[in-house]
Amino acid sequence: MQSLAVVLICALGAKAEIPTWDASCVGCPLKSLADHKVESADGFLATTLTVDVITLKTPNTTFKTRAYNGALGGPRLVLQAGDRVELTLVNNLEDRDNTGEWNQPRKPNTTNLHLHGMHI
């Protein structure tokens, strides 16, 4: 009997040690983000995702973005067919700012939980 695996990827599917900018490497292949996975055990996977805002800096700009569990992206959740999942999302983002012009970037204050892949 063949075992079927279901892979759920939350957020970007990876957690990063934030790569630094190297201007001498324009056109070089992109570096992969570290693959941080959480695997089910005995038919069950329980984990917590905490979303916050972090500030990233490059030589030319500084910007804010969402971080999951303190880093860019989130873990890759790996389960077997039939496993149960308990996922807690802790949203530490600021309340929505409803003032001012809406036709511009806003505070990164929303999130959702969605799936990519579902490879079976």
N, C-alpha and C. Protein backbone atom coordinates (compact mmCIF):
# COMPACT_ATOMS: atom_id res chain seq x y z
N MET A 1 0.84 -1.18 0.00
CA MET A 1 0.00 0.00 0.00
C MET A 1 0.89 1.24 0.00
N GLN A 2 0.59 2.16 -0.87
CA GLN A 2 1.40 3.37 -1.00
C GLN A 2 0.91 4.44 -0.03
N SER A 3 1.85 5.10 0.63
CA SER A 3 1.52 6.18 1.56
C SER A 3 1.35 7.47 0.78
N LEU A 4 0.27 8.19 1.06
CA LEU A 4 0.03 9.47 0.40
C LEU A 4 0.37 10.59 1.37
N ALA A 5 1.06 11.59 0.89
CA ALA A 5 1.41 12.74 1.73
C ALA A 5 0.66 13.96 1.23
N VAL A 6 0.20 14.76 2.15
CA VAL A 6 -0.43 16.03 1.84
C VAL A 6 0.48 17.12 2.37
N VAL A 7 0.83 18.04 1.54
CA VAL A 7 1.72 19.13 1.95
C VAL A 7 0.92 20.42 1.94
N LEU A 8 0.88 21.08 3.09
CA LEU A 8 0.24 22.38 3.19
C LEU A 8 1.34 23.42 3.34
N ILE A 9 1.29 24.44 2.55
CA ILE A 9 2.29 25.49 2.65
C ILE A 9 1.59 26.74 3.15
N CYS A 10 2.01 27.23 4.30
CA CYS A 10 1.42 28.43 4.88
C CYS A 10 2.30 29.62 4.55
N ALA A 11 1.65 30.72 4.24
CA ALA A 11 2.35 31.95 3.92
C ALA A 11 3.23 31.71 2.70
N LEU A 12 4.51 31.97 2.80
CA LEU A 12 5.40 31.80 1.66
C LEU A 12 6.00 30.41 1.60
N GLY A 13 5.73 29.60 2.60
CA GLY A 13 6.23 28.23 2.59
C GLY A 13 7.66 28.10 3.06
N ALA A 14 8.24 29.14 3.59
CA ALA A 14 9.61 29.05 4.07
C ALA A 14 9.85 30.10 5.13
N LYS A 15 10.85 29.86 5.91
CA LYS A 15 11.27 30.83 6.92
C LYS A 15 12.67 31.26 6.53
N ALA A 16 12.96 32.53 6.64
CA ALA A 16 14.22 33.01 6.08
C ALA A 16 15.16 33.54 7.13
N GLU A 17 16.42 33.27 6.92
CA GLU A 17 17.44 34.11 7.47
C GLU A 17 17.58 35.15 6.37
N ILE A 18 17.14 36.37 6.62
CA ILE A 18 16.96 37.37 5.57
C ILE A 18 18.26 37.53 4.77
N PRO A 19 18.19 37.25 3.44
CA PRO A 19 19.39 37.36 2.63
C PRO A 19 19.82 38.82 2.48
N THR A 20 21.11 39.04 2.34
CA THR A 20 21.62 40.39 2.15
C THR A 20 21.76 40.68 0.66
N TRP A 21 21.78 41.96 0.33
CA TRP A 21 21.89 42.40 -1.06
C TRP A 21 23.35 42.40 -1.47
N ASP A 22 23.65 41.87 -2.64
CA ASP A 22 25.00 41.88 -3.17
C ASP A 22 24.93 42.45 -4.58
N ALA A 23 25.28 43.75 -4.72
CA ALA A 23 25.15 44.42 -6.01
C ALA A 23 26.04 43.80 -7.08
N SER A 24 27.11 43.11 -6.69
CA SER A 24 28.00 42.49 -7.67
C SER A 24 27.38 41.24 -8.29
N CYS A 25 26.26 40.82 -7.75
CA CYS A 25 25.66 39.57 -8.21
C CYS A 25 24.37 39.80 -9.00
N VAL A 26 24.24 40.93 -9.67
CA VAL A 26 23.07 41.17 -10.50
C VAL A 26 23.03 40.11 -11.59
N GLY A 27 21.91 39.43 -11.74
CA GLY A 27 21.77 38.37 -12.72
C GLY A 27 22.14 37.00 -12.21
N CYS A 28 22.63 36.90 -10.98
CA CYS A 28 22.96 35.60 -10.39
C CYS A 28 21.68 34.85 -10.04
N PRO A 29 21.74 33.54 -9.92
CA PRO A 29 20.56 32.78 -9.50
C PRO A 29 20.10 33.22 -8.11
N LEU A 30 18.80 33.18 -7.91
CA LEU A 30 18.24 33.53 -6.61
C LEU A 30 18.61 32.47 -5.58
N LYS A 31 18.84 32.92 -4.36
CA LYS A 31 19.10 31.99 -3.26
C LYS A 31 17.77 31.50 -2.72
N SER A 32 17.71 30.24 -2.39
CA SER A 32 16.49 29.68 -1.80
C SER A 32 16.40 30.07 -0.34
N LEU A 33 15.18 30.25 0.13
CA LEU A 33 14.96 30.47 1.55
C LEU A 33 15.10 29.14 2.27
N ALA A 34 15.47 29.20 3.52
CA ALA A 34 15.58 27.98 4.31
C ALA A 34 14.22 27.30 4.39
N ASP A 35 14.20 26.00 4.33
CA ASP A 35 12.95 25.23 4.39
C ASP A 35 12.72 24.78 5.82
N HIS A 36 11.78 25.42 6.49
CA HIS A 36 11.45 25.05 7.86
C HIS A 36 10.11 24.32 7.82
N LYS A 37 10.16 23.04 8.10
CA LYS A 37 8.93 22.28 8.01
C LYS A 37 8.53 21.74 9.37
N VAL A 38 7.23 21.57 9.51
CA VAL A 38 6.65 20.96 10.70
C VAL A 38 5.92 19.72 10.20
N GLU A 39 6.24 18.57 10.76
CA GLU A 39 5.64 17.32 10.29
C GLU A 39 4.70 16.74 11.33
N SER A 40 3.67 16.07 10.84
CA SER A 40 2.73 15.41 11.74
C SER A 40 3.40 14.20 12.38
N ALA A 41 2.86 13.81 13.53
CA ALA A 41 3.32 12.61 14.22
C ALA A 41 2.11 11.89 14.77
N ASP A 42 2.05 10.61 14.57
CA ASP A 42 0.94 9.79 15.06
C ASP A 42 -0.41 10.33 14.61
N GLY A 43 -0.46 10.82 13.36
CA GLY A 43 -1.73 11.25 12.78
C GLY A 43 -2.21 12.62 13.22
N PHE A 44 -1.32 13.44 13.80
CA PHE A 44 -1.75 14.75 14.31
C PHE A 44 -0.64 15.77 14.14
N LEU A 45 -1.01 16.98 13.76
CA LEU A 45 -0.07 18.08 13.68
C LEU A 45 -0.68 19.27 14.40
N ALA A 46 0.02 19.81 15.38
CA ALA A 46 -0.43 21.01 16.09
C ALA A 46 0.70 22.03 16.04
N THR A 47 0.39 23.25 15.63
CA THR A 47 1.40 24.30 15.58
C THR A 47 0.73 25.66 15.69
N THR A 48 1.54 26.67 15.97
CA THR A 48 1.06 28.05 16.08
C THR A 48 1.81 28.91 15.09
N LEU A 49 1.08 29.75 14.37
CA LEU A 49 1.66 30.77 13.51
C LEU A 49 1.38 32.12 14.15
N THR A 50 2.43 32.90 14.39
CA THR A 50 2.27 34.24 14.95
C THR A 50 2.70 35.23 13.88
N VAL A 51 1.78 36.12 13.49
CA VAL A 51 2.08 37.11 12.45
C VAL A 51 2.33 38.47 13.10
N ASP A 52 3.46 39.07 12.71
CA ASP A 52 3.88 40.39 13.18
C ASP A 52 4.40 41.18 11.97
N VAL A 53 4.72 42.45 12.20
CA VAL A 53 5.36 43.28 11.17
C VAL A 53 6.85 43.38 11.50
N ILE A 54 7.69 43.19 10.47
CA ILE A 54 9.13 43.38 10.64
C ILE A 54 9.60 44.43 9.64
N THR A 55 10.74 45.03 9.91
CA THR A 55 11.34 46.00 9.01
C THR A 55 12.55 45.36 8.35
N LEU A 56 12.59 45.41 7.03
CA LEU A 56 13.72 44.87 6.26
C LEU A 56 14.46 46.03 5.62
N LYS A 57 15.78 45.92 5.55
CA LYS A 57 16.61 46.98 4.97
C LYS A 57 17.44 46.41 3.84
N THR A 58 17.54 47.16 2.75
CA THR A 58 18.47 46.89 1.67
C THR A 58 19.33 48.14 1.54
N PRO A 59 20.37 48.14 0.71
CA PRO A 59 21.17 49.36 0.59
C PRO A 59 20.37 50.56 0.09
N ASN A 60 19.28 50.31 -0.65
CA ASN A 60 18.55 51.41 -1.27
C ASN A 60 17.21 51.72 -0.64
N THR A 61 16.71 50.87 0.24
CA THR A 61 15.38 51.11 0.79
C THR A 61 15.18 50.37 2.10
N THR A 62 14.19 50.80 2.83
CA THR A 62 13.74 50.13 4.04
C THR A 62 12.24 49.94 3.89
N PHE A 63 11.74 48.76 4.23
CA PHE A 63 10.30 48.54 4.12
C PHE A 63 9.82 47.60 5.21
N LYS A 64 8.52 47.65 5.44
CA LYS A 64 7.89 46.78 6.42
C LYS A 64 7.10 45.70 5.70
N THR A 65 7.09 44.52 6.29
CA THR A 65 6.33 43.42 5.73
C THR A 65 5.90 42.49 6.85
N ARG A 66 5.03 41.56 6.53
CA ARG A 66 4.58 40.59 7.53
C ARG A 66 5.66 39.54 7.76
N ALA A 67 5.72 39.06 8.99
CA ALA A 67 6.62 37.97 9.34
C ALA A 67 5.81 36.92 10.09
N TYR A 68 6.12 35.68 9.87
CA TYR A 68 5.45 34.57 10.55
C TYR A 68 6.46 33.89 11.45
N ASN A 69 6.14 33.81 12.73
CA ASN A 69 7.04 33.24 13.74
C ASN A 69 8.40 33.93 13.71
N GLY A 70 8.38 35.26 13.51
CA GLY A 70 9.58 36.07 13.59
C GLY A 70 10.44 36.13 12.36
N ALA A 71 10.01 35.53 11.26
CA ALA A 71 10.83 35.52 10.05
C ALA A 71 9.96 35.65 8.82
N LEU A 72 10.59 35.97 7.71
CA LEU A 72 9.89 36.10 6.45
C LEU A 72 9.36 34.74 6.02
N GLY A 73 8.07 34.65 5.81
CA GLY A 73 7.46 33.38 5.41
C GLY A 73 7.00 32.57 6.60
N GLY A 74 6.49 31.43 6.34
CA GLY A 74 6.02 30.54 7.39
C GLY A 74 6.49 29.13 7.15
N PRO A 75 6.18 28.24 8.05
CA PRO A 75 6.66 26.86 7.90
C PRO A 75 5.89 26.10 6.82
N ARG A 76 6.50 25.04 6.36
CA ARG A 76 5.84 24.10 5.46
C ARG A 76 5.29 22.99 6.33
N LEU A 77 3.98 22.79 6.27
CA LEU A 77 3.34 21.76 7.08
C LEU A 77 3.22 20.49 6.26
N VAL A 78 3.73 19.39 6.79
CA VAL A 78 3.74 18.12 6.07
C VAL A 78 2.91 17.12 6.86
N LEU A 79 1.90 16.57 6.19
CA LEU A 79 0.98 15.63 6.83
C LEU A 79 0.79 14.41 5.96
N GLN A 80 0.22 13.39 6.55
CA GLN A 80 -0.18 12.20 5.81
C GLN A 80 -1.70 12.28 5.59
N ALA A 81 -2.16 11.64 4.54
CA ALA A 81 -3.60 11.61 4.27
C ALA A 81 -4.33 11.10 5.50
N GLY A 82 -5.37 11.82 5.92
CA GLY A 82 -6.16 11.43 7.08
C GLY A 82 -5.70 12.04 8.39
N ASP A 83 -4.55 12.72 8.40
CA ASP A 83 -4.07 13.36 9.63
C ASP A 83 -5.00 14.50 10.05
N ARG A 84 -5.03 14.76 11.34
CA ARG A 84 -5.78 15.90 11.88
C ARG A 84 -4.80 17.05 12.09
N VAL A 85 -5.29 18.29 11.92
CA VAL A 85 -4.46 19.48 12.05
C VAL A 85 -5.11 20.45 13.03
N GLU A 86 -4.31 20.96 13.95
CA GLU A 86 -4.75 22.03 14.84
C GLU A 86 -3.78 23.18 14.66
N LEU A 87 -4.27 24.25 14.04
CA LEU A 87 -3.42 25.39 13.72
C LEU A 87 -3.97 26.62 14.42
N THR A 88 -3.14 27.26 15.23
CA THR A 88 -3.53 28.49 15.92
C THR A 88 -2.83 29.66 15.25
N LEU A 89 -3.61 30.67 14.84
CA LEU A 89 -3.06 31.87 14.23
C LEU A 89 -3.15 33.01 15.24
N VAL A 90 -2.00 33.54 15.64
CA VAL A 90 -1.94 34.69 16.55
C VAL A 90 -1.65 35.91 15.69
N ASN A 91 -2.61 36.84 15.60
CA ASN A 91 -2.48 38.01 14.74
C ASN A 91 -2.07 39.21 15.59
N ASN A 92 -0.80 39.58 15.51
CA ASN A 92 -0.28 40.74 16.24
C ASN A 92 -0.21 41.99 15.37
N LEU A 93 -0.90 42.00 14.24
CA LEU A 93 -0.89 43.17 13.36
C LEU A 93 -1.73 44.29 13.96
N GLU A 94 -1.38 45.54 13.62
CA GLU A 94 -2.11 46.69 14.12
C GLU A 94 -3.52 46.72 13.54
N ASP A 95 -4.40 47.46 14.22
CA ASP A 95 -5.73 47.67 13.69
C ASP A 95 -5.64 48.44 12.38
N ARG A 96 -6.64 48.26 11.55
CA ARG A 96 -6.70 48.94 10.25
C ARG A 96 -6.79 50.45 10.45
N ASP A 97 -6.06 51.19 9.64
CA ASP A 97 -6.13 52.65 9.62
C ASP A 97 -7.11 53.04 8.53
N ASN A 98 -8.28 53.54 8.91
CA ASN A 98 -9.32 53.88 7.95
C ASN A 98 -9.29 55.34 7.53
N THR A 99 -8.24 56.07 7.88
CA THR A 99 -8.18 57.49 7.53
C THR A 99 -7.30 57.69 6.31
N GLY A 100 -7.47 58.81 5.65
CA GLY A 100 -6.59 59.18 4.55
C GLY A 100 -6.95 58.53 3.23
N GLU A 101 -6.05 58.69 2.28
CA GLU A 101 -6.23 58.20 0.92
C GLU A 101 -6.14 56.68 0.88
N TRP A 102 -7.08 56.06 0.16
CA TRP A 102 -7.09 54.60 0.06
C TRP A 102 -6.33 54.08 -1.16
N ASN A 103 -6.03 54.96 -2.11
CA ASN A 103 -5.36 54.52 -3.33
C ASN A 103 -3.84 54.59 -3.17
N GLN A 104 -3.34 53.93 -2.13
CA GLN A 104 -1.91 53.87 -1.86
C GLN A 104 -1.64 52.70 -0.92
N PRO A 105 -0.38 52.28 -0.81
CA PRO A 105 -0.10 51.18 0.12
C PRO A 105 -0.51 51.55 1.54
N ARG A 106 -1.03 50.59 2.25
CA ARG A 106 -1.52 50.81 3.61
C ARG A 106 -0.67 50.00 4.59
N LYS A 107 -0.99 50.15 5.86
CA LYS A 107 -0.33 49.32 6.86
C LYS A 107 -0.57 47.85 6.53
N PRO A 108 0.44 47.00 6.70
CA PRO A 108 0.23 45.57 6.43
C PRO A 108 -0.55 44.95 7.59
N ASN A 109 -1.84 45.23 7.63
CA ASN A 109 -2.61 44.90 8.83
C ASN A 109 -3.66 43.82 8.62
N THR A 110 -3.58 43.12 7.53
CA THR A 110 -4.54 42.04 7.31
C THR A 110 -3.77 40.75 7.01
N THR A 111 -4.41 39.66 7.28
CA THR A 111 -3.82 38.37 6.97
C THR A 111 -4.95 37.38 6.72
N ASN A 112 -4.62 36.29 6.11
CA ASN A 112 -5.58 35.20 5.99
C ASN A 112 -4.79 33.90 6.00
N LEU A 113 -5.49 32.85 6.18
CA LEU A 113 -4.87 31.53 6.18
C LEU A 113 -5.38 30.82 4.93
N HIS A 114 -4.46 30.45 4.06
CA HIS A 114 -4.86 29.77 2.84
C HIS A 114 -3.82 28.71 2.48
N LEU A 115 -4.16 27.89 1.55
CA LEU A 115 -3.33 26.73 1.21
C LEU A 115 -2.75 26.88 -0.19
N HIS A 116 -1.56 26.39 -0.36
CA HIS A 116 -0.94 26.27 -1.68
C HIS A 116 -0.57 24.80 -1.85
N GLY A 117 -0.79 24.28 -3.01
CA GLY A 117 -0.33 22.93 -3.28
C GLY A 117 -1.38 21.87 -3.07
N MET A 118 -1.46 21.35 -1.86
CA MET A 118 -2.30 20.19 -1.56
C MET A 118 -1.88 19.01 -2.43
N HIS A 119 -0.57 18.79 -2.49
CA HIS A 119 -0.04 17.69 -3.30
C HIS A 119 -0.40 16.36 -2.64
N ILE A 120 -1.07 15.52 -3.40
CA ILE A 120 -1.47 14.21 -2.87
C ILE A 120 -0.88 13.13 -3.76
